[in-house]
Amino acid sequence: MNDSTDLLKMTKIRPISSDSLNPKSIIGFLNVTNLGNATSGKIYLDFNKISHDTIYVKIKESTFLTENIGTTGAMLYLAGVVYNLTELKKVKYVNLDFEEGDHASPGVYSRDAFVDR
């Protein structure tokens, strides 16, 4: 690795037909895997709705995300959530609703938010 841009690269593990994807299945996958052992069983997403090109999700208890896994851990978790949910047809943005903390902030995220990190 020559620079920091080589440190994080999101890679699709296997192709999945976009016709078979739905919000509840992706969120269920994210809640079960929690994108790695570091967050296992500690962060849960709740689906709210899809409106136009945005999916709305909520993390009811966000302390682990915002206070316990550091800035890098929170960024990696949010990137994984955004990349997975934007695999849905026509979804380009993820509106994440949770209580702000030291290491993560709620808001509307797209894949572009993680390009230069």
PDB file of N, CA and C in Angstrom:
ATOM      1  N   MET A   1       0.820  -1.176   0.000  1.00  0.00           N
ATOM      2  CA  MET A   1       0.000   0.000   0.000  1.00  0.00           C
ATOM      3  C   MET A   1       0.862   1.236   0.000  1.00  0.00           C
ATOM      4  N   ASN A   2       0.564   2.106  -0.942  1.00  0.00           N
ATOM      5  CA  ASN A   2       1.370   3.300  -1.078  1.00  0.00           C
ATOM      6  C   ASN A   2       0.776   4.525  -0.404  1.00  0.00           C
ATOM      7  N   ASP A   3      -0.535   4.570  -0.295  1.00  0.00           N
ATOM      8  CA  ASP A   3      -1.161   5.705   0.361  1.00  0.00           C
ATOM      9  C   ASP A   3      -2.449   5.266   1.039  1.00  0.00           C
ATOM     10  N   SER A   4      -3.068   6.209   1.735  1.00  0.00           N
ATOM     11  CA  SER A   4      -4.251   5.864   2.526  1.00  0.00           C
ATOM     12  C   SER A   4      -5.438   5.443   1.673  1.00  0.00           C
ATOM     13  N   THR A   5      -5.467   5.803   0.388  1.00  0.00           N
ATOM     14  CA  THR A   5      -6.599   5.405  -0.444  1.00  0.00           C
ATOM     15  C   THR A   5      -6.602   3.910  -0.702  1.00  0.00           C
ATOM     16  N   ASP A   6      -5.487   3.236  -0.451  1.00  0.00           N
ATOM     17  CA  ASP A   6      -5.414   1.794  -0.616  1.00  0.00           C
ATOM     18  C   ASP A   6      -5.942   1.043   0.610  1.00  0.00           C
ATOM     19  N   LEU A   7      -6.202   1.740   1.693  1.00  0.00           N
ATOM     20  CA  LEU A   7      -6.577   1.085   2.931  1.00  0.00           C
ATOM     21  C   LEU A   7      -8.005   0.551   2.940  1.00  0.00           C
ATOM     22  N   LEU A   8      -8.924   1.233   2.302  1.00  0.00           N
ATOM     23  CA  LEU A   8     -10.324   0.819   2.320  1.00  0.00           C
ATOM     24  C   LEU A   8     -10.856   0.777   0.899  1.00  0.00           C
ATOM     25  N   LYS A   9     -11.247  -0.392   0.491  1.00  0.00           N
ATOM     26  CA  LYS A   9     -11.870  -0.536  -0.813  1.00  0.00           C
ATOM     27  C   LYS A   9     -13.029  -1.508  -0.653  1.00  0.00           C
ATOM     28  N   MET A  10     -14.241  -1.026  -0.918  1.00  0.00           N
ATOM     29  CA  MET A  10     -15.420  -1.864  -0.810  1.00  0.00           C
ATOM     30  C   MET A  10     -15.464  -2.779  -2.030  1.00  0.00           C
ATOM     31  N   THR A  11     -15.620  -4.061  -1.782  1.00  0.00           N
ATOM     32  CA  THR A  11     -15.650  -5.052  -2.846  1.00  0.00           C
ATOM     33  C   THR A  11     -16.884  -5.924  -2.698  1.00  0.00           C
ATOM     34  N   LYS A  12     -17.609  -6.075  -3.799  1.00  0.00           N
ATOM     35  CA  LYS A  12     -18.772  -6.950  -3.781  1.00  0.00           C
ATOM     36  C   LYS A  12     -18.270  -8.382  -3.740  1.00  0.00           C
ATOM     37  N   ILE A  13     -18.674  -9.133  -2.723  1.00  0.00           N
ATOM     38  CA  ILE A  13     -18.203 -10.499  -2.540  1.00  0.00           C
ATOM     39  C   ILE A  13     -18.779 -11.431  -3.584  1.00  0.00           C
ATOM     40  N   ARG A  14     -20.071 -11.298  -3.825  1.00  0.00           N
ATOM     41  CA  ARG A  14     -20.709 -12.135  -4.835  1.00  0.00           C
ATOM     42  C   ARG A  14     -21.865 -11.358  -5.434  1.00  0.00           C
ATOM     43  N   PRO A  15     -22.108 -11.577  -6.700  1.00  0.00           N
ATOM     44  CA  PRO A  15     -23.232 -10.868  -7.322  1.00  0.00           C
ATOM     45  C   PRO A  15     -24.562 -11.435  -6.850  1.00  0.00           C
ATOM     46  N   ILE A  16     -25.494 -10.537  -6.621  1.00  0.00           N
ATOM     47  CA  ILE A  16     -26.851 -10.924  -6.247  1.00  0.00           C
ATOM     48  C   ILE A  16     -27.785 -10.151  -7.169  1.00  0.00           C
ATOM     49  N   SER A  17     -28.748 -10.838  -7.710  1.00  0.00           N
ATOM     50  CA  SER A  17     -29.712 -10.188  -8.582  1.00  0.00           C
ATOM     51  C   SER A  17     -30.421  -9.079  -7.821  1.00  0.00           C
ATOM     52  N   SER A  18     -30.427  -7.886  -8.385  1.00  0.00           N
ATOM     53  CA  SER A  18     -31.089  -6.771  -7.705  1.00  0.00           C
ATOM     54  C   SER A  18     -32.588  -7.005  -7.591  1.00  0.00           C
ATOM     55  N   ASP A  19     -33.135  -7.885  -8.409  1.00  0.00           N
ATOM     56  CA  ASP A  19     -34.556  -8.205  -8.315  1.00  0.00           C
ATOM     57  C   ASP A  19     -34.889  -8.951  -7.021  1.00  0.00           C
ATOM     58  N   SER A  20     -33.917  -9.639  -6.452  1.00  0.00           N
ATOM     59  CA  SER A  20     -34.174 -10.422  -5.239  1.00  0.00           C
ATOM     60  C   SER A  20     -33.884  -9.645  -3.961  1.00  0.00           C
ATOM     61  N   LEU A  21     -33.367  -8.441  -4.093  1.00  0.00           N
ATOM     62  CA  LEU A  21     -33.037  -7.638  -2.916  1.00  0.00           C
ATOM     63  C   LEU A  21     -34.247  -6.837  -2.462  1.00  0.00           C
ATOM     64  N   ASN A  22     -34.406  -6.750  -1.151  1.00  0.00           N
ATOM     65  CA  ASN A  22     -35.430  -5.884  -0.583  1.00  0.00           C
ATOM     66  C   ASN A  22     -34.879  -5.313   0.727  1.00  0.00           C
ATOM     67  N   PRO A  23     -35.454  -4.205   1.193  1.00  0.00           N
ATOM     68  CA  PRO A  23     -34.907  -3.550   2.390  1.00  0.00           C
ATOM     69  C   PRO A  23     -34.826  -4.454   3.608  1.00  0.00           C
ATOM     70  N   LYS A  24     -35.878  -5.226   3.850  1.00  0.00           N
ATOM     71  CA  LYS A  24     -35.889  -6.052   5.060  1.00  0.00           C
ATOM     72  C   LYS A  24     -34.843  -7.161   5.009  1.00  0.00           C
ATOM     73  N   SER A  25     -34.595  -7.731   3.828  1.00  0.00           N
ATOM     74  CA  SER A  25     -33.581  -8.791   3.747  1.00  0.00           C
ATOM     75  C   SER A  25     -32.177  -8.231   3.955  1.00  0.00           C
ATOM     76  N   ILE A  26     -31.912  -7.073   3.384  1.00  0.00           N
ATOM     77  CA  ILE A  26     -30.576  -6.475   3.565  1.00  0.00           C
ATOM     78  C   ILE A  26     -30.374  -6.049   5.016  1.00  0.00           C
ATOM     79  N   ILE A  27     -31.367  -5.399   5.594  1.00  0.00           N
ATOM     80  CA  ILE A  27     -31.248  -4.970   6.987  1.00  0.00           C
ATOM     81  C   ILE A  27     -31.149  -6.181   7.906  1.00  0.00           C
ATOM     82  N   GLY A  28     -31.896  -7.236   7.612  1.00  0.00           N
ATOM     83  CA  GLY A  28     -31.780  -8.469   8.391  1.00  0.00           C
ATOM     84  C   GLY A  28     -30.375  -9.035   8.316  1.00  0.00           C
ATOM     85  N   PHE A  29     -29.786  -9.032   7.117  1.00  0.00           N
ATOM     86  CA  PHE A  29     -28.406  -9.490   6.936  1.00  0.00           C
ATOM     87  C   PHE A  29     -27.449  -8.621   7.751  1.00  0.00           C
ATOM     88  N   LEU A  30     -27.613  -7.306   7.659  1.00  0.00           N
ATOM     89  CA  LEU A  30     -26.734  -6.399   8.392  1.00  0.00           C
ATOM     90  C   LEU A  30     -26.873  -6.578   9.902  1.00  0.00           C
ATOM     91  N   ASN A  31     -28.079  -6.818  10.373  1.00  0.00           N
ATOM     92  CA  ASN A  31     -28.285  -7.005  11.809  1.00  0.00           C
ATOM     93  C   ASN A  31     -27.723  -8.322  12.314  1.00  0.00           C
ATOM     94  N   VAL A  32     -27.720  -9.347  11.475  1.00  0.00           N
ATOM     95  CA  VAL A  32     -27.171 -10.645  11.878  1.00  0.00           C
ATOM     96  C   VAL A  32     -25.654 -10.620  11.826  1.00  0.00           C
ATOM     97  N   THR A  33     -25.108 -10.130  10.732  1.00  0.00           N
ATOM     98  CA  THR A  33     -23.649 -10.135  10.588  1.00  0.00           C
ATOM     99  C   THR A  33     -23.015  -8.957  11.293  1.00  0.00           C
ATOM    100  N   ASN A  34     -23.757  -7.841  11.377  1.00  0.00           N
ATOM    101  CA  ASN A  34     -23.235  -6.609  11.951  1.00  0.00           C
ATOM    102  C   ASN A  34     -21.878  -6.258  11.376  1.00  0.00           C
ATOM    103  N   LEU A  35     -21.634  -6.683  10.148  1.00  0.00           N
ATOM    104  CA  LEU A  35     -20.437  -6.300   9.400  1.00  0.00           C
ATOM    105  C   LEU A  35     -19.146  -6.596  10.155  1.00  0.00           C
ATOM    106  N   GLY A  36     -19.101  -7.699  10.833  1.00  0.00           N
ATOM    107  CA  GLY A  36     -17.873  -8.112  11.494  1.00  0.00           C
ATOM    108  C   GLY A  36     -18.062  -8.342  12.973  1.00  0.00           C
ATOM    109  N   ASN A  37     -17.126  -9.025  13.571  1.00  0.00           N
ATOM    110  CA  ASN A  37     -17.227  -9.396  14.976  1.00  0.00           C
ATOM    111  C   ASN A  37     -17.196  -8.207  15.931  1.00  0.00           C
ATOM    112  N   ALA A  38     -16.571  -7.114  15.517  1.00  0.00           N
ATOM    113  CA  ALA A  38     -16.434  -5.967  16.417  1.00  0.00           C
ATOM    114  C   ALA A  38     -17.785  -5.383  16.825  1.00  0.00           C
ATOM    115  N   THR A  39     -18.774  -5.479  15.937  1.00  0.00           N
ATOM    116  CA  THR A  39     -20.081  -4.895  16.246  1.00  0.00           C
ATOM    117  C   THR A  39     -21.153  -5.945  16.478  1.00  0.00           C
ATOM    118  N   SER A  40     -20.780  -7.189  16.482  1.00  0.00           N
ATOM    119  CA  SER A  40     -21.744  -8.286  16.570  1.00  0.00           C
ATOM    120  C   SER A  40     -22.687  -8.133  17.759  1.00  0.00           C
ATOM    121  N   GLY A  41     -23.978  -8.074  17.458  1.00  0.00           N
ATOM    122  CA  GLY A  41     -24.989  -7.987  18.491  1.00  0.00           C
ATOM    123  C   GLY A  41     -25.101  -6.653  19.191  1.00  0.00           C
ATOM    124  N   LYS A  42     -24.421  -5.641  18.700  1.00  0.00           N
ATOM    125  CA  LYS A  42     -24.386  -4.366  19.405  1.00  0.00           C
ATOM    126  C   LYS A  42     -25.094  -3.225  18.670  1.00  0.00           C
ATOM    127  N   ILE A  43     -25.298  -3.373  17.369  1.00  0.00           N
ATOM    128  CA  ILE A  43     -25.919  -2.313  16.577  1.00  0.00           C
ATOM    129  C   ILE A  43     -27.028  -2.937  15.743  1.00  0.00           C
ATOM    130  N   TYR A  44     -28.237  -2.360  15.840  1.00  0.00           N
ATOM    131  CA  TYR A  44     -29.369  -2.883  15.073  1.00  0.00           C
ATOM    132  C   TYR A  44     -30.064  -1.771  14.306  1.00  0.00           C
ATOM    133  N   LEU A  45     -30.252  -2.020  13.031  1.00  0.00           N
ATOM    134  CA  LEU A  45     -30.953  -1.087  12.159  1.00  0.00           C
ATOM    135  C   LEU A  45     -32.431  -1.432  12.118  1.00  0.00           C
ATOM    136  N   ASP A  46     -33.265  -0.419  12.061  1.00  0.00           N
ATOM    137  CA  ASP A  46     -34.698  -0.591  11.839  1.00  0.00           C
ATOM    138  C   ASP A  46     -35.066   0.131  10.556  1.00  0.00           C
ATOM    139  N   PHE A  47     -35.778  -0.571   9.678  1.00  0.00           N
ATOM    140  CA  PHE A  47     -36.253   0.005   8.421  1.00  0.00           C
ATOM    141  C   PHE A  47     -37.448   0.900   8.695  1.00  0.00           C
ATOM    142  N   ASN A  48     -37.443   2.087   8.094  1.00  0.00           N
ATOM    143  CA  ASN A  48     -38.574   2.989   8.212  1.00  0.00           C
ATOM    144  C   ASN A  48     -39.343   3.039   6.899  1.00  0.00           C
ATOM    145  N   LYS A  49     -38.686   3.521   5.829  1.00  0.00           N
ATOM    146  CA  LYS A  49     -39.363   3.646   4.545  1.00  0.00           C
ATOM    147  C   LYS A  49     -38.351   3.924   3.439  1.00  0.00           C
ATOM    148  N   ILE A  50     -38.837   3.855   2.212  1.00  0.00           N
ATOM    149  CA  ILE A  50     -38.086   4.330   1.047  1.00  0.00           C
ATOM    150  C   ILE A  50     -38.924   5.415   0.409  1.00  0.00           C
ATOM    151  N   SER A  51     -38.313   6.527   0.117  1.00  0.00           N
ATOM    152  CA  SER A  51     -38.983   7.626  -0.558  1.00  0.00           C
ATOM    153  C   SER A  51     -38.066   8.121  -1.666  1.00  0.00           C
ATOM    154  N   HIS A  52     -38.543   8.039  -2.877  1.00  0.00           N
ATOM    155  CA  HIS A  52     -37.778   8.422  -4.061  1.00  0.00           C
ATOM    156  C   HIS A  52     -36.474   7.628  -4.120  1.00  0.00           C
ATOM    157  N   ASP A  53     -35.321   8.289  -3.961  1.00  0.00           N
ATOM    158  CA  ASP A  53     -34.026   7.618  -4.071  1.00  0.00           C
ATOM    159  C   ASP A  53     -33.339   7.429  -2.719  1.00  0.00           C
ATOM    160  N   THR A  54     -34.118   7.528  -1.627  1.00  0.00           N
ATOM    161  CA  THR A  54     -33.548   7.493  -0.282  1.00  0.00           C
ATOM    162  C   THR A  54     -34.244   6.434   0.572  1.00  0.00           C
ATOM    163  N   ILE A  55     -33.431   5.645   1.278  1.00  0.00           N
ATOM    164  CA  ILE A  55     -33.969   4.706   2.264  1.00  0.00           C
ATOM    165  C   ILE A  55     -33.732   5.314   3.642  1.00  0.00           C
ATOM    166  N   TYR A  56     -34.729   5.190   4.513  1.00  0.00           N
ATOM    167  CA  TYR A  56     -34.678   5.746   5.853  1.00  0.00           C
ATOM    168  C   TYR A  56     -34.563   4.604   6.855  1.00  0.00           C
ATOM    169  N   VAL A  57     -33.509   4.644   7.666  1.00  0.00           N
ATOM    170  CA  VAL A  57     -33.298   3.627   8.693  1.00  0.00           C
ATOM    171  C   VAL A  57     -32.956   4.312  10.013  1.00  0.00           C
ATOM    172  N   LYS A  58     -33.191   3.588  11.094  1.00  0.00           N
ATOM    173  CA  LYS A  58     -32.944   4.142  12.433  1.00  0.00           C
ATOM    174  C   LYS A  58     -32.132   3.145  13.247  1.00  0.00           C
ATOM    175  N   ILE A  59     -31.230   3.683  14.049  1.00  0.00           N
ATOM    176  CA  ILE A  59     -30.514   2.903  15.051  1.00  0.00           C
ATOM    177  C   ILE A  59     -31.011   3.430  16.392  1.00  0.00           C
ATOM    178  N   LYS A  60     -31.848   2.638  17.074  1.00  0.00           N
ATOM    179  CA  LYS A  60     -32.467   3.110  18.325  1.00  0.00           C
ATOM    180  C   LYS A  60     -31.439   3.308  19.424  1.00  0.00           C
ATOM    181  N   GLU A  61     -30.558   2.349  19.592  1.00  0.00           N
ATOM    182  CA  GLU A  61     -29.513   2.431  20.619  1.00  0.00           C
ATOM    183  C   GLU A  61     -28.175   2.555  19.897  1.00  0.00           C
ATOM    184  N   SER A  62     -27.649   3.770  19.833  1.00  0.00           N
ATOM    185  CA  SER A  62     -26.454   4.018  19.011  1.00  0.00           C
ATOM    186  C   SER A  62     -25.174   4.231  19.812  1.00  0.00           C
ATOM    187  N   THR A  63     -25.216   4.066  21.111  1.00  0.00           N
ATOM    188  CA  THR A  63     -24.041   4.353  21.937  1.00  0.00           C
ATOM    189  C   THR A  63     -22.823   3.539  21.520  1.00  0.00           C
ATOM    190  N   PHE A  64     -23.015   2.259  21.218  1.00  0.00           N
ATOM    191  CA  PHE A  64     -21.868   1.446  20.822  1.00  0.00           C
ATOM    192  C   PHE A  64     -21.234   2.006  19.548  1.00  0.00           C
ATOM    193  N   LEU A  65     -22.072   2.369  18.581  1.00  0.00           N
ATOM    194  CA  LEU A  65     -21.579   2.940  17.324  1.00  0.00           C
ATOM    195  C   LEU A  65     -20.878   4.269  17.547  1.00  0.00           C
ATOM    196  N   THR A  66     -21.490   5.134  18.312  1.00  0.00           N
ATOM    197  CA  THR A  66     -20.997   6.506  18.414  1.00  0.00           C
ATOM    198  C   THR A  66     -19.939   6.733  19.486  1.00  0.00           C
ATOM    199  N   GLU A  67     -19.808   5.802  20.433  1.00  0.00           N
ATOM    200  CA  GLU A  67     -18.894   6.033  21.553  1.00  0.00           C
ATOM    201  C   GLU A  67     -17.872   4.920  21.801  1.00  0.00           C
ATOM    202  N   ASN A  68     -18.124   3.703  21.313  1.00  0.00           N
ATOM    203  CA  ASN A  68     -17.286   2.586  21.722  1.00  0.00           C
ATOM    204  C   ASN A  68     -16.349   2.008  20.669  1.00  0.00           C
ATOM    205  N   ILE A  69     -16.584   2.259  19.394  1.00  0.00           N
ATOM    206  CA  ILE A  69     -15.735   1.604  18.384  1.00  0.00           C
ATOM    207  C   ILE A  69     -14.824   2.580  17.650  1.00  0.00           C
ATOM    208  N   GLY A  70     -14.763   3.796  18.125  1.00  0.00           N
ATOM    209  CA  GLY A  70     -13.867   4.778  17.556  1.00  0.00           C
ATOM    210  C   GLY A  70     -14.365   5.326  16.231  1.00  0.00           C
ATOM    211  N   THR A  71     -13.666   6.328  15.746  1.00  0.00           N
ATOM    212  CA  THR A  71     -14.051   6.984  14.503  1.00  0.00           C
ATOM    213  C   THR A  71     -13.903   6.051  13.315  1.00  0.00           C
ATOM    214  N   THR A  72     -12.820   5.302  13.260  1.00  0.00           N
ATOM    215  CA  THR A  72     -12.600   4.384  12.134  1.00  0.00           C
ATOM    216  C   THR A  72     -13.619   3.256  12.148  1.00  0.00           C
ATOM    217  N   GLY A  73     -13.889   2.689  13.318  1.00  0.00           N
ATOM    218  CA  GLY A  73     -14.879   1.623  13.414  1.00  0.00           C
ATOM    219  C   GLY A  73     -16.261   2.094  12.992  1.00  0.00           C
ATOM    220  N   ALA A  74     -16.640   3.289  13.438  1.00  0.00           N
ATOM    221  CA  ALA A  74     -17.939   3.845  13.074  1.00  0.00           C
ATOM    222  C   ALA A  74     -18.006   4.111  11.579  1.00  0.00           C
ATOM    223  N   MET A  75     -16.940   4.659  11.010  1.00  0.00           N
ATOM    224  CA  MET A  75     -16.913   4.942   9.584  1.00  0.00           C
ATOM    225  C   MET A  75     -17.011   3.651   8.769  1.00  0.00           C
ATOM    226  N   LEU A  76     -16.314   2.617   9.189  1.00  0.00           N
ATOM    227  CA  LEU A  76     -16.379   1.335   8.482  1.00  0.00           C
ATOM    228  C   LEU A  76     -17.777   0.734   8.564  1.00  0.00           C
ATOM    229  N   TYR A  77     -18.405   0.822   9.722  1.00  0.00           N
ATOM    230  CA  TYR A  77     -19.767   0.308   9.870  1.00  0.00           C
ATOM    231  C   TYR A  77     -20.724   1.069   8.962  1.00  0.00           C
ATOM    232  N   LEU A  78     -20.675   2.402   9.019  1.00  0.00           N
ATOM    233  CA  LEU A  78     -21.576   3.214   8.202  1.00  0.00           C
ATOM    234  C   LEU A  78     -21.336   2.982   6.715  1.00  0.00           C
ATOM    235  N   ALA A  79     -20.088   2.847   6.315  1.00  0.00           N
ATOM    236  CA  ALA A  79     -19.784   2.571   4.904  1.00  0.00           C
ATOM    237  C   ALA A  79     -20.398   1.247   4.475  1.00  0.00           C
ATOM    238  N   GLY A  80     -20.277   0.230   5.305  1.00  0.00           N
ATOM    239  CA  GLY A  80     -20.869  -1.069   4.992  1.00  0.00           C
ATOM    240  C   GLY A  80     -22.378  -0.996   4.866  1.00  0.00           C
ATOM    241  N   VAL A  81     -23.016  -0.256   5.757  1.00  0.00           N
ATOM    242  CA  VAL A  81     -24.468  -0.083   5.702  1.00  0.00           C
ATOM    243  C   VAL A  81     -24.861   0.626   4.415  1.00  0.00           C
ATOM    244  N   VAL A  82     -24.178   1.714   4.113  1.00  0.00           N
ATOM    245  CA  VAL A  82     -24.513   2.498   2.919  1.00  0.00           C
ATOM    246  C   VAL A  82     -24.278   1.690   1.648  1.00  0.00           C
ATOM    247  N   TYR A  83     -23.159   1.026   1.549  1.00  0.00           N
ATOM    248  CA  TYR A  83     -22.877   0.247   0.334  1.00  0.00           C
ATOM    249  C   TYR A  83     -23.888  -0.884   0.153  1.00  0.00           C
ATOM    250  N   ASN A  84     -24.279  -1.535   1.227  1.00  0.00           N
ATOM    251  CA  ASN A  84     -25.260  -2.614   1.112  1.00  0.00           C
ATOM    252  C   ASN A  84     -26.642  -2.077   0.748  1.00  0.00           C
ATOM    253  N   LEU A  85     -27.102  -1.037   1.410  1.00  0.00           N
ATOM    254  CA  LEU A  85     -28.444  -0.532   1.148  1.00  0.00           C
ATOM    255  C   LEU A  85     -28.570   0.158  -0.207  1.00  0.00           C
ATOM    256  N   THR A  86     -27.485   0.703  -0.718  1.00  0.00           N
ATOM    257  CA  THR A  86     -27.559   1.328  -2.042  1.00  0.00           C
ATOM    258  C   THR A  86     -27.449   0.304  -3.168  1.00  0.00           C
ATOM    259  N   GLU A  87     -27.429  -0.964  -2.830  1.00  0.00           N
ATOM    260  CA  GLU A  87     -27.566  -2.021  -3.829  1.00  0.00           C
ATOM    261  C   GLU A  87     -29.036  -2.177  -4.246  1.00  0.00           C
ATOM    262  N   LEU A  88     -29.946  -1.638  -3.453  1.00  0.00           N
ATOM    263  CA  LEU A  88     -31.361  -1.681  -3.798  1.00  0.00           C
ATOM    264  C   LEU A  88     -31.616  -0.834  -5.045  1.00  0.00           C
ATOM    265  N   LYS A  89     -32.539  -1.289  -5.875  1.00  0.00           N
ATOM    266  CA  LYS A  89     -32.882  -0.540  -7.083  1.00  0.00           C
ATOM    267  C   LYS A  89     -33.300   0.882  -6.725  1.00  0.00           C
ATOM    268  N   LYS A  90     -32.752   1.822  -7.440  1.00  0.00           N
ATOM    269  CA  LYS A  90     -33.094   3.249  -7.349  1.00  0.00           C
ATOM    270  C   LYS A  90     -32.696   3.921  -6.042  1.00  0.00           C
ATOM    271  N   VAL A  91     -32.076   3.205  -5.099  1.00  0.00           N
ATOM    272  CA  VAL A  91     -31.650   3.830  -3.841  1.00  0.00           C
ATOM    273  C   VAL A  91     -30.225   4.343  -4.006  1.00  0.00           C
ATOM    274  N   LYS A  92     -30.066   5.648  -3.831  1.00  0.00           N
ATOM    275  CA  LYS A  92     -28.755   6.282  -3.935  1.00  0.00           C
ATOM    276  C   LYS A  92     -28.297   6.875  -2.602  1.00  0.00           C
ATOM    277  N   TYR A  93     -29.250   7.052  -1.686  1.00  0.00           N
ATOM    278  CA  TYR A  93     -28.949   7.703  -0.411  1.00  0.00           C
ATOM    279  C   TYR A  93     -29.527   6.903   0.753  1.00  0.00           C
ATOM    280  N   VAL A  94     -28.838   6.984   1.894  1.00  0.00           N
ATOM    281  CA  VAL A  94     -29.300   6.335   3.116  1.00  0.00           C
ATOM    282  C   VAL A  94     -29.417   7.421   4.182  1.00  0.00           C
ATOM    283  N   ASN A  95     -30.626   7.601   4.687  1.00  0.00           N
ATOM    284  CA  ASN A  95     -30.863   8.540   5.772  1.00  0.00           C
ATOM    285  C   ASN A  95     -30.773   7.748   7.067  1.00  0.00           C
ATOM    286  N   LEU A  96     -29.701   7.972   7.807  1.00  0.00           N
ATOM    287  CA  LEU A  96     -29.454   7.267   9.073  1.00  0.00           C
ATOM    288  C   LEU A  96     -29.859   8.155  10.233  1.00  0.00           C
ATOM    289  N   ASP A  97     -30.810   7.666  11.008  1.00  0.00           N
ATOM    290  CA  ASP A  97     -31.319   8.396  12.158  1.00  0.00           C
ATOM    291  C   ASP A  97     -30.819   7.707  13.431  1.00  0.00           C
ATOM    292  N   PHE A  98     -30.025   8.424  14.204  1.00  0.00           N
ATOM    293  CA  PHE A  98     -29.547   7.928  15.494  1.00  0.00           C
ATOM    294  C   PHE A  98     -29.040   9.108  16.297  1.00  0.00           C
ATOM    295  N   GLU A  99     -28.837   8.886  17.579  1.00  0.00           N
ATOM    296  CA  GLU A  99     -28.332   9.956  18.430  1.00  0.00           C
ATOM    297  C   GLU A  99     -26.852  10.177  18.153  1.00  0.00           C
ATOM    298  N   GLU A 100     -26.499  11.410  17.859  1.00  0.00           N
ATOM    299  CA  GLU A 100     -25.118  11.758  17.544  1.00  0.00           C
ATOM    300  C   GLU A 100     -24.208  11.502  18.736  1.00  0.00           C
ATOM    301  N   GLY A 101     -22.979  11.106  18.435  1.00  0.00           N
ATOM    302  CA  GLY A 101     -21.981  10.889  19.474  1.00  0.00           C
ATOM    303  C   GLY A 101     -20.628  11.394  19.023  1.00  0.00           C
ATOM    304  N   ASP A 102     -19.594  11.035  19.755  1.00  0.00           N
ATOM    305  CA  ASP A 102     -18.251  11.514  19.451  1.00  0.00           C
ATOM    306  C   ASP A 102     -17.704  11.010  18.121  1.00  0.00           C
ATOM    307  N   HIS A 103     -18.124   9.815  17.689  1.00  0.00           N
ATOM    308  CA  HIS A 103     -17.494   9.192  16.533  1.00  0.00           C
ATOM    309  C   HIS A 103     -18.395   9.033  15.314  1.00  0.00           C
ATOM    310  N   ALA A 104     -19.660   9.390  15.410  1.00  0.00           N
ATOM    311  CA  ALA A 104     -20.558   9.255  14.262  1.00  0.00           C
ATOM    312  C   ALA A 104     -21.715  10.231  14.391  1.00  0.00           C
ATOM    313  N   SER A 105     -22.175  10.697  13.238  1.00  0.00           N
ATOM    314  CA  SER A 105     -23.292  11.636  13.191  1.00  0.00           C
ATOM    315  C   SER A 105     -24.387  11.101  12.281  1.00  0.00           C
ATOM    316  N   PRO A 106     -25.631  11.352  12.652  1.00  0.00           N
ATOM    317  CA  PRO A 106     -26.729  10.959  11.776  1.00  0.00           C
ATOM    318  C   PRO A 106     -26.730  11.847  10.533  1.00  0.00           C
ATOM    319  N   GLY A 107     -27.473  11.429   9.538  1.00  0.00           N
ATOM    320  CA  GLY A 107     -27.573  12.242   8.339  1.00  0.00           C
ATOM    321  C   GLY A 107     -27.837  11.401   7.115  1.00  0.00           C
ATOM    322  N   VAL A 108     -27.751  12.047   5.973  1.00  0.00           N
ATOM    323  CA  VAL A 108     -27.962  11.381   4.695  1.00  0.00           C
ATOM    324  C   VAL A 108     -26.591  11.080   4.103  1.00  0.00           C
ATOM    325  N   TYR A 109     -26.370   9.801   3.796  1.00  0.00           N
ATOM    326  CA  TYR A 109     -25.089   9.344   3.276  1.00  0.00           C
ATOM    327  C   TYR A 109     -25.280   8.710   1.898  1.00  0.00           C
ATOM    328  N   SER A 110     -24.277   8.863   1.062  1.00  0.00           N
ATOM    329  CA  SER A 110     -24.211   8.152  -0.206  1.00  0.00           C
ATOM    330  C   SER A 110     -22.848   7.468  -0.269  1.00  0.00           C
ATOM    331  N   ARG A 111     -22.637   6.680  -1.288  1.00  0.00           N
ATOM    332  CA  ARG A 111     -21.332   6.032  -1.438  1.00  0.00           C
ATOM    333  C   ARG A 111     -20.215   7.051  -1.558  1.00  0.00           C
ATOM    334  N   ASP A 112     -20.532   8.191  -2.144  1.00  0.00           N
ATOM    335  CA  ASP A 112     -19.519   9.240  -2.323  1.00  0.00           C
ATOM    336  C   ASP A 112     -18.952   9.733  -0.994  1.00  0.00           C
ATOM    337  N   ALA A 113     -19.711   9.603   0.082  1.00  0.00           N
ATOM    338  CA  ALA A 113     -19.251  10.072   1.393  1.00  0.00           C
ATOM    339  C   ALA A 113     -18.034   9.295   1.881  1.00  0.00           C
ATOM    340  N   PHE A 114     -17.785   8.132   1.298  1.00  0.00           N
ATOM    341  CA  PHE A 114     -16.707   7.270   1.778  1.00  0.00           C
ATOM    342  C   PHE A 114     -15.580   7.103   0.770  1.00  0.00           C
ATOM    343  N   VAL A 115     -15.638   7.808  -0.344  1.00  0.00           N
ATOM    344  CA  VAL A 115     -14.662   7.629  -1.419  1.00  0.00           C
ATOM    345  C   VAL A 115     -13.259   8.025  -1.002  1.00  0.00           C
ATOM    346  N   ASP A 116     -13.096   9.143  -0.356  1.00  0.00           N
ATOM    347  CA  ASP A 116     -11.753   9.643  -0.019  1.00  0.00           C
ATOM    348  C   ASP A 116     -11.330   9.330   1.411  1.00  0.00           C
ATOM    349  N   ARG A 117     -11.934   8.322   2.003  1.00  0.00           N
ATOM    350  CA  ARG A 117     -11.594   8.023   3.398  1.00  0.00           C
ATOM    351  C   ARG A 117     -10.640   6.894   3.480  1.00  0.00           C
TER     352      ARG A 117
END
